[in-house]
Amino acid sequence: MNVSLRCANLKPGQENRIKELEQELDCRLVALEESNQPAALSMQQLSVLQLIEKSLGVTLVAYEPTQSFRPTKPSPQHLARLTELERETGYVLVAYASDRQVPDVDSFQPSEGYETVHLSAAQFQRLQTVEDELGLILMAYNPRQ
C-alpha cells in the first residue's frame, strides 16, 4: 500500500525557501506531505480506545500506520555494538528495520496547464537536499507550452 499525499501547509520559512529554489531551478514547485488515513477499527479496538480516552480524560484519533518495523539481522559490526550496549546498560536490545511505505507521488496531478519538469542530475540533487531540509516532498512543474 502506498502513502497518499496532499498539498502541504507551509510555514513562512519553508515558503521562502521554496521560492528561492523555484528561482534557482526556473520552475514552479508544489510542496506535498503525507496524508494520514483514519484507522478502520474493530468494535473491540474502538472499546479499548474509548477506555484509554476515559482514563486519560482526552480525545484520541487513530490513524493507519505509515511505517512498520520488522526484526532484522544486524551486520557483524552492528551486532558487536549492540552487544557492547547490552553490557553497558543491562538491557536486552533487539534490532528492527523499517518497512516504510512509499509515497504515491505519481497519483498527484498538477493544476491543469502544468507539466512535470525534467530536472538535470544536479538540479534533482539540489531539490532532494531542500526536501530533506524541509521534511517535504517537492514536485517540479512548468506551464505547458
N, C-alpha and C. Protein backbone atom coordinates (compact mmCIF):
# COMPACT_ATOMS: atom_id res chain seq x y z
N MET A 1 0.84 -1.18 0.00
CA MET A 1 0.00 0.00 0.00
C MET A 1 0.88 1.24 0.00
N ASN A 2 0.56 2.21 -0.84
CA ASN A 2 1.31 3.46 -0.88
C ASN A 2 0.69 4.48 0.04
N VAL A 3 1.49 5.45 0.43
CA VAL A 3 1.04 6.55 1.27
C VAL A 3 0.50 7.64 0.35
N SER A 4 -0.70 8.15 0.64
CA SER A 4 -1.26 9.21 -0.19
C SER A 4 -0.67 10.56 0.23
N LEU A 5 -0.72 11.50 -0.68
CA LEU A 5 -0.12 12.81 -0.47
C LEU A 5 -1.17 13.90 -0.60
N ARG A 6 -0.87 15.04 0.04
CA ARG A 6 -1.72 16.23 -0.09
C ARG A 6 -0.79 17.44 -0.13
N CYS A 7 -1.31 18.56 -0.60
CA CYS A 7 -0.52 19.80 -0.60
C CYS A 7 -0.23 20.18 0.84
N ALA A 8 1.01 20.56 1.09
CA ALA A 8 1.44 20.88 2.45
C ALA A 8 1.05 22.30 2.83
N ASN A 9 0.71 22.49 4.09
CA ASN A 9 0.55 23.83 4.66
C ASN A 9 1.94 24.28 5.09
N LEU A 10 2.44 25.34 4.46
CA LEU A 10 3.81 25.76 4.68
C LEU A 10 3.94 26.81 5.76
N LYS A 11 5.03 26.73 6.50
CA LYS A 11 5.41 27.77 7.44
C LYS A 11 6.11 28.84 6.62
N PRO A 12 6.13 30.10 7.11
CA PRO A 12 6.76 31.18 6.32
C PRO A 12 8.20 30.86 5.89
N GLY A 13 8.99 30.28 6.74
CA GLY A 13 10.37 29.95 6.39
C GLY A 13 10.44 28.91 5.28
N GLN A 14 9.55 27.93 5.32
CA GLN A 14 9.50 26.92 4.27
C GLN A 14 9.10 27.53 2.94
N GLU A 15 8.10 28.41 3.00
CA GLU A 15 7.62 29.07 1.78
C GLU A 15 8.74 29.88 1.13
N ASN A 16 9.48 30.63 1.93
CA ASN A 16 10.59 31.42 1.39
C ASN A 16 11.66 30.53 0.78
N ARG A 17 11.97 29.43 1.43
CA ARG A 17 13.00 28.50 0.94
C ARG A 17 12.58 27.90 -0.39
N ILE A 18 11.31 27.57 -0.53
CA ILE A 18 10.80 27.00 -1.77
C ILE A 18 10.82 28.04 -2.89
N LYS A 19 10.46 29.29 -2.58
CA LYS A 19 10.50 30.35 -3.59
C LYS A 19 11.92 30.56 -4.10
N GLU A 20 12.91 30.50 -3.20
CA GLU A 20 14.31 30.63 -3.61
C GLU A 20 14.70 29.49 -4.56
N LEU A 21 14.28 28.28 -4.22
CA LEU A 21 14.61 27.13 -5.06
C LEU A 21 13.89 27.21 -6.41
N GLU A 22 12.66 27.72 -6.43
CA GLU A 22 11.95 27.91 -7.70
C GLU A 22 12.74 28.82 -8.63
N GLN A 23 13.26 29.91 -8.08
CA GLN A 23 14.06 30.83 -8.89
C GLN A 23 15.34 30.15 -9.37
N GLU A 24 15.96 29.39 -8.50
CA GLU A 24 17.20 28.71 -8.84
C GLU A 24 16.99 27.67 -9.95
N LEU A 25 15.89 26.91 -9.86
CA LEU A 25 15.62 25.84 -10.83
C LEU A 25 14.78 26.31 -12.02
N ASP A 26 14.25 27.53 -11.95
CA ASP A 26 13.43 28.11 -13.00
C ASP A 26 12.20 27.24 -13.29
N CYS A 27 11.48 26.91 -12.23
CA CYS A 27 10.25 26.14 -12.37
C CYS A 27 9.36 26.42 -11.17
N ARG A 28 8.14 25.90 -11.21
CA ARG A 28 7.20 26.02 -10.09
C ARG A 28 7.33 24.74 -9.27
N LEU A 29 7.28 24.88 -7.94
CA LEU A 29 7.36 23.72 -7.06
C LEU A 29 6.07 23.60 -6.26
N VAL A 30 5.63 22.38 -6.08
CA VAL A 30 4.47 22.08 -5.25
C VAL A 30 5.00 21.27 -4.07
N ALA A 31 4.70 21.73 -2.86
CA ALA A 31 5.14 21.02 -1.65
C ALA A 31 4.03 20.07 -1.21
N LEU A 32 4.41 18.81 -1.05
CA LEU A 32 3.46 17.78 -0.66
C LEU A 32 3.89 17.17 0.67
N GLU A 33 2.91 16.66 1.40
CA GLU A 33 3.19 15.93 2.63
C GLU A 33 2.30 14.70 2.68
N GLU A 34 2.71 13.73 3.48
CA GLU A 34 1.93 12.52 3.62
C GLU A 34 0.58 12.83 4.26
N SER A 35 -0.42 12.15 3.79
CA SER A 35 -1.77 12.33 4.32
C SER A 35 -2.11 11.11 5.16
N ASN A 36 -2.32 11.32 6.45
CA ASN A 36 -2.66 10.22 7.34
C ASN A 36 -4.10 9.78 7.12
N GLN A 37 -4.29 8.48 7.02
CA GLN A 37 -5.62 7.91 6.80
C GLN A 37 -6.19 7.44 8.14
N PRO A 38 -7.45 7.76 8.42
CA PRO A 38 -8.06 7.26 9.66
C PRO A 38 -8.04 5.73 9.69
N ALA A 39 -7.82 5.19 10.87
CA ALA A 39 -7.79 3.73 11.02
C ALA A 39 -9.20 3.15 11.00
N ALA A 40 -9.32 1.99 10.41
CA ALA A 40 -10.59 1.25 10.43
C ALA A 40 -10.53 0.32 11.64
N LEU A 41 -11.14 0.76 12.74
CA LEU A 41 -11.07 0.00 13.99
C LEU A 41 -12.21 -0.99 14.12
N SER A 42 -11.89 -2.13 14.69
CA SER A 42 -12.93 -3.10 15.01
C SER A 42 -13.69 -2.57 16.24
N MET A 43 -14.82 -3.16 16.56
CA MET A 43 -15.58 -2.74 17.74
C MET A 43 -14.74 -2.93 19.01
N GLN A 44 -13.99 -4.02 19.06
CA GLN A 44 -13.13 -4.27 20.23
C GLN A 44 -12.04 -3.20 20.34
N GLN A 45 -11.41 -2.86 19.22
CA GLN A 45 -10.38 -1.82 19.24
C GLN A 45 -10.97 -0.47 19.64
N LEU A 46 -12.17 -0.18 19.14
CA LEU A 46 -12.84 1.07 19.50
C LEU A 46 -13.13 1.12 20.99
N SER A 47 -13.57 0.01 21.56
CA SER A 47 -13.84 -0.05 23.00
C SER A 47 -12.58 0.21 23.81
N VAL A 48 -11.47 -0.38 23.39
CA VAL A 48 -10.20 -0.17 24.08
C VAL A 48 -9.79 1.30 23.98
N LEU A 49 -9.93 1.87 22.78
CA LEU A 49 -9.58 3.28 22.58
C LEU A 49 -10.43 4.18 23.48
N GLN A 50 -11.71 3.89 23.59
CA GLN A 50 -12.61 4.68 24.43
C GLN A 50 -12.25 4.56 25.91
N LEU A 51 -11.82 3.37 26.33
CA LEU A 51 -11.37 3.19 27.72
C LEU A 51 -10.13 4.04 28.00
N ILE A 52 -9.21 4.05 27.07
CA ILE A 52 -7.99 4.86 27.23
C ILE A 52 -8.35 6.34 27.27
N GLU A 53 -9.24 6.77 26.38
CA GLU A 53 -9.69 8.16 26.38
C GLU A 53 -10.29 8.54 27.73
N LYS A 54 -11.15 7.68 28.24
CA LYS A 54 -11.82 7.95 29.51
C LYS A 54 -10.81 8.02 30.65
N SER A 55 -9.85 7.08 30.68
CA SER A 55 -8.87 7.07 31.78
C SER A 55 -7.92 8.27 31.72
N LEU A 56 -7.64 8.76 30.52
CA LEU A 56 -6.73 9.90 30.39
C LEU A 56 -7.45 11.24 30.35
N GLY A 57 -8.75 11.21 30.11
CA GLY A 57 -9.51 12.45 30.01
C GLY A 57 -9.19 13.24 28.75
N VAL A 58 -8.89 12.51 27.67
CA VAL A 58 -8.55 13.15 26.40
C VAL A 58 -9.33 12.49 25.28
N THR A 59 -9.28 13.11 24.11
CA THR A 59 -9.83 12.51 22.90
C THR A 59 -8.66 12.04 22.05
N LEU A 60 -8.72 10.80 21.59
CA LEU A 60 -7.66 10.23 20.76
C LEU A 60 -8.18 10.01 19.35
N VAL A 61 -7.30 10.12 18.37
CA VAL A 61 -7.62 9.86 16.97
C VAL A 61 -6.69 8.75 16.50
N ALA A 62 -7.23 7.73 15.87
CA ALA A 62 -6.43 6.60 15.39
C ALA A 62 -6.23 6.72 13.88
N TYR A 63 -4.97 6.61 13.46
CA TYR A 63 -4.61 6.64 12.05
C TYR A 63 -3.95 5.34 11.66
N GLU A 64 -4.08 4.98 10.39
CA GLU A 64 -3.37 3.83 9.86
C GLU A 64 -1.87 4.12 9.93
N PRO A 65 -1.06 3.13 10.26
CA PRO A 65 0.39 3.39 10.33
C PRO A 65 0.96 3.63 8.93
N THR A 66 1.93 4.52 8.84
CA THR A 66 2.64 4.75 7.58
C THR A 66 4.01 4.09 7.63
N GLN A 67 4.34 3.54 8.79
CA GLN A 67 5.63 2.89 8.94
C GLN A 67 5.47 1.71 9.89
N SER A 68 6.06 0.60 9.52
CA SER A 68 6.06 -0.56 10.40
C SER A 68 7.50 -1.05 10.53
N PHE A 69 7.71 -1.91 11.49
CA PHE A 69 9.05 -2.42 11.75
C PHE A 69 9.03 -3.93 11.77
N ARG A 70 10.15 -4.52 11.39
CA ARG A 70 10.30 -5.97 11.43
C ARG A 70 11.66 -6.29 12.04
N PRO A 71 11.75 -7.40 12.76
CA PRO A 71 13.06 -7.79 13.28
C PRO A 71 14.04 -8.00 12.13
N THR A 72 15.28 -7.65 12.34
CA THR A 72 16.29 -7.78 11.29
C THR A 72 17.56 -8.38 11.85
N LYS A 73 18.39 -8.88 10.99
CA LYS A 73 19.68 -9.43 11.40
C LYS A 73 20.74 -8.35 11.17
N PRO A 74 21.31 -7.80 12.27
CA PRO A 74 22.30 -6.74 12.11
C PRO A 74 23.61 -7.27 11.52
N SER A 75 24.37 -6.36 10.92
CA SER A 75 25.68 -6.71 10.39
C SER A 75 26.59 -7.09 11.56
N PRO A 76 27.70 -7.77 11.31
CA PRO A 76 28.61 -8.14 12.41
C PRO A 76 29.07 -6.92 13.22
N GLN A 77 29.31 -5.79 12.53
CA GLN A 77 29.74 -4.57 13.24
C GLN A 77 28.64 -4.05 14.15
N HIS A 78 27.42 -4.01 13.61
CA HIS A 78 26.29 -3.53 14.42
C HIS A 78 25.98 -4.49 15.57
N LEU A 79 26.11 -5.79 15.31
CA LEU A 79 25.87 -6.78 16.36
C LEU A 79 26.88 -6.61 17.50
N ALA A 80 28.14 -6.35 17.15
CA ALA A 80 29.16 -6.12 18.17
C ALA A 80 28.81 -4.89 19.01
N ARG A 81 28.36 -3.83 18.34
CA ARG A 81 27.99 -2.59 19.05
C ARG A 81 26.77 -2.83 19.94
N LEU A 82 25.77 -3.56 19.43
CA LEU A 82 24.59 -3.88 20.24
C LEU A 82 24.97 -4.69 21.47
N THR A 83 25.84 -5.66 21.30
CA THR A 83 26.30 -6.48 22.42
C THR A 83 27.01 -5.62 23.46
N GLU A 84 27.83 -4.69 22.97
CA GLU A 84 28.53 -3.77 23.86
C GLU A 84 27.53 -2.91 24.64
N LEU A 85 26.52 -2.40 23.95
CA LEU A 85 25.49 -1.58 24.61
C LEU A 85 24.68 -2.39 25.61
N GLU A 86 24.42 -3.66 25.28
CA GLU A 86 23.71 -4.52 26.23
C GLU A 86 24.50 -4.68 27.52
N ARG A 87 25.81 -4.87 27.39
CA ARG A 87 26.66 -5.00 28.58
C ARG A 87 26.67 -3.70 29.38
N GLU A 88 26.73 -2.56 28.69
CA GLU A 88 26.78 -1.26 29.36
C GLU A 88 25.48 -0.95 30.10
N THR A 89 24.35 -1.27 29.47
CA THR A 89 23.05 -0.85 30.02
C THR A 89 22.34 -1.92 30.83
N GLY A 90 22.67 -3.18 30.58
CA GLY A 90 21.96 -4.27 31.24
C GLY A 90 20.64 -4.59 30.56
N TYR A 91 20.37 -3.96 29.43
CA TYR A 91 19.13 -4.22 28.68
C TYR A 91 19.38 -5.24 27.59
N VAL A 92 18.32 -5.91 27.18
CA VAL A 92 18.37 -6.77 26.00
C VAL A 92 17.91 -5.91 24.83
N LEU A 93 18.72 -5.79 23.81
CA LEU A 93 18.39 -4.95 22.66
C LEU A 93 18.03 -5.83 21.46
N VAL A 94 17.00 -5.42 20.74
CA VAL A 94 16.54 -6.14 19.56
C VAL A 94 16.62 -5.18 18.38
N ALA A 95 17.17 -5.63 17.26
CA ALA A 95 17.31 -4.78 16.07
C ALA A 95 16.08 -4.92 15.19
N TYR A 96 15.55 -3.79 14.76
CA TYR A 96 14.41 -3.75 13.86
C TYR A 96 14.77 -2.91 12.64
N ALA A 97 14.19 -3.25 11.50
CA ALA A 97 14.34 -2.46 10.28
C ALA A 97 12.98 -1.86 9.93
N SER A 98 13.02 -0.72 9.29
CA SER A 98 11.79 -0.02 8.91
C SER A 98 11.25 -0.59 7.61
N ASP A 99 9.95 -0.79 7.58
CA ASP A 99 9.25 -1.16 6.35
C ASP A 99 8.44 0.05 5.90
N ARG A 100 9.11 1.15 5.68
CA ARG A 100 8.45 2.42 5.34
C ARG A 100 7.70 2.29 4.03
N GLN A 101 6.45 2.75 4.03
CA GLN A 101 5.66 2.75 2.81
C GLN A 101 6.10 3.90 1.92
N VAL A 102 6.01 3.70 0.64
CA VAL A 102 6.47 4.68 -0.34
C VAL A 102 5.33 5.64 -0.68
N PRO A 103 5.58 6.97 -0.59
CA PRO A 103 4.55 7.92 -1.00
C PRO A 103 4.21 7.75 -2.49
N ASP A 104 2.96 7.86 -2.83
CA ASP A 104 2.49 7.67 -4.20
C ASP A 104 2.54 9.00 -4.94
N VAL A 105 3.75 9.44 -5.33
CA VAL A 105 3.91 10.73 -5.98
C VAL A 105 3.27 10.76 -7.36
N ASP A 106 3.17 9.60 -8.01
CA ASP A 106 2.58 9.56 -9.35
C ASP A 106 1.09 9.86 -9.34
N SER A 107 0.43 9.68 -8.20
CA SER A 107 -1.01 9.93 -8.14
C SER A 107 -1.33 11.42 -8.02
N PHE A 108 -0.33 12.23 -7.68
CA PHE A 108 -0.58 13.67 -7.56
C PHE A 108 -0.60 14.30 -8.94
N GLN A 109 -1.66 15.02 -9.24
CA GLN A 109 -1.80 15.68 -10.53
C GLN A 109 -1.68 17.19 -10.35
N PRO A 110 -0.81 17.84 -11.15
CA PRO A 110 -0.70 19.30 -11.04
C PRO A 110 -1.95 19.98 -11.59
N SER A 111 -2.04 21.26 -11.33
CA SER A 111 -3.16 22.04 -11.87
C SER A 111 -3.14 21.94 -13.39
N GLU A 112 -4.32 22.06 -13.98
CA GLU A 112 -4.42 21.99 -15.44
C GLU A 112 -3.53 23.07 -16.06
N GLY A 113 -2.85 22.72 -17.11
CA GLY A 113 -1.98 23.67 -17.78
C GLY A 113 -0.52 23.57 -17.33
N TYR A 114 -0.23 22.65 -16.41
CA TYR A 114 1.14 22.46 -15.94
C TYR A 114 1.61 21.06 -16.29
N GLU A 115 2.91 20.94 -16.51
CA GLU A 115 3.50 19.63 -16.79
C GLU A 115 4.76 19.45 -15.95
N THR A 116 5.11 18.20 -15.71
CA THR A 116 6.29 17.87 -14.91
C THR A 116 7.55 18.36 -15.59
N VAL A 117 8.47 18.91 -14.81
CA VAL A 117 9.76 19.37 -15.32
C VAL A 117 10.76 18.23 -15.18
N HIS A 118 11.55 18.01 -16.22
CA HIS A 118 12.62 17.02 -16.16
C HIS A 118 13.90 17.75 -15.74
N LEU A 119 14.33 17.49 -14.51
CA LEU A 119 15.49 18.17 -13.94
C LEU A 119 16.78 17.45 -14.30
N SER A 120 17.87 18.21 -14.38
CA SER A 120 19.18 17.59 -14.57
C SER A 120 19.55 16.88 -13.27
N ALA A 121 20.59 16.06 -13.32
CA ALA A 121 21.02 15.34 -12.12
C ALA A 121 21.39 16.32 -11.01
N ALA A 122 22.06 17.40 -11.35
CA ALA A 122 22.46 18.40 -10.35
C ALA A 122 21.23 19.10 -9.77
N GLN A 123 20.27 19.44 -10.62
CA GLN A 123 19.05 20.09 -10.14
C GLN A 123 18.25 19.14 -9.24
N PHE A 124 18.19 17.87 -9.64
CA PHE A 124 17.47 16.88 -8.85
C PHE A 124 18.12 16.72 -7.48
N GLN A 125 19.44 16.68 -7.45
CA GLN A 125 20.16 16.58 -6.17
C GLN A 125 19.86 17.79 -5.29
N ARG A 126 19.83 18.95 -5.89
CA ARG A 126 19.52 20.19 -5.17
C ARG A 126 18.10 20.13 -4.60
N LEU A 127 17.16 19.66 -5.41
CA LEU A 127 15.77 19.52 -4.97
C LEU A 127 15.69 18.56 -3.79
N GLN A 128 16.38 17.44 -3.86
CA GLN A 128 16.36 16.47 -2.76
C GLN A 128 16.98 17.04 -1.49
N THR A 129 18.00 17.85 -1.62
CA THR A 129 18.63 18.48 -0.46
C THR A 129 17.62 19.37 0.26
N VAL A 130 16.88 20.17 -0.49
CA VAL A 130 15.88 21.06 0.12
C VAL A 130 14.71 20.23 0.68
N GLU A 131 14.33 19.15 0.01
CA GLU A 131 13.29 18.27 0.55
C GLU A 131 13.69 17.77 1.93
N ASP A 132 14.94 17.32 2.05
CA ASP A 132 15.43 16.82 3.34
C ASP A 132 15.44 17.91 4.40
N GLU A 133 15.84 19.13 4.01
CA GLU A 133 15.87 20.26 4.95
C GLU A 133 14.47 20.58 5.47
N LEU A 134 13.48 20.54 4.57
CA LEU A 134 12.13 20.97 4.92
C LEU A 134 11.24 19.82 5.40
N GLY A 135 11.64 18.59 5.14
CA GLY A 135 10.81 17.45 5.50
C GLY A 135 9.55 17.35 4.65
N LEU A 136 9.67 17.78 3.40
CA LEU A 136 8.54 17.76 2.46
C LEU A 136 8.93 17.05 1.18
N ILE A 137 7.95 16.72 0.36
CA ILE A 137 8.19 16.20 -0.98
C ILE A 137 7.91 17.35 -1.93
N LEU A 138 8.87 17.67 -2.79
CA LEU A 138 8.71 18.78 -3.73
C LEU A 138 8.59 18.23 -5.15
N MET A 139 7.58 18.70 -5.87
CA MET A 139 7.35 18.31 -7.25
C MET A 139 7.58 19.53 -8.13
N ALA A 140 8.32 19.36 -9.24
CA ALA A 140 8.68 20.47 -10.11
C ALA A 140 7.77 20.48 -11.35
N TYR A 141 7.18 21.65 -11.64
CA TYR A 141 6.27 21.83 -12.77
C TYR A 141 6.57 23.14 -13.48
N ASN A 142 6.15 23.20 -14.74
CA ASN A 142 6.16 24.43 -15.52
C ASN A 142 4.86 24.51 -16.30
N PRO A 143 4.47 25.75 -16.69
CA PRO A 143 3.28 25.86 -17.53
C PRO A 143 3.51 25.12 -18.86
N ARG A 144 2.44 24.46 -19.35
CA ARG A 144 2.53 23.79 -20.67
C ARG A 144 2.77 24.83 -21.73
N GLN A 145 3.59 24.48 -22.68
CA GLN A 145 3.89 25.40 -23.81
C GLN A 145 2.82 25.28 -24.86
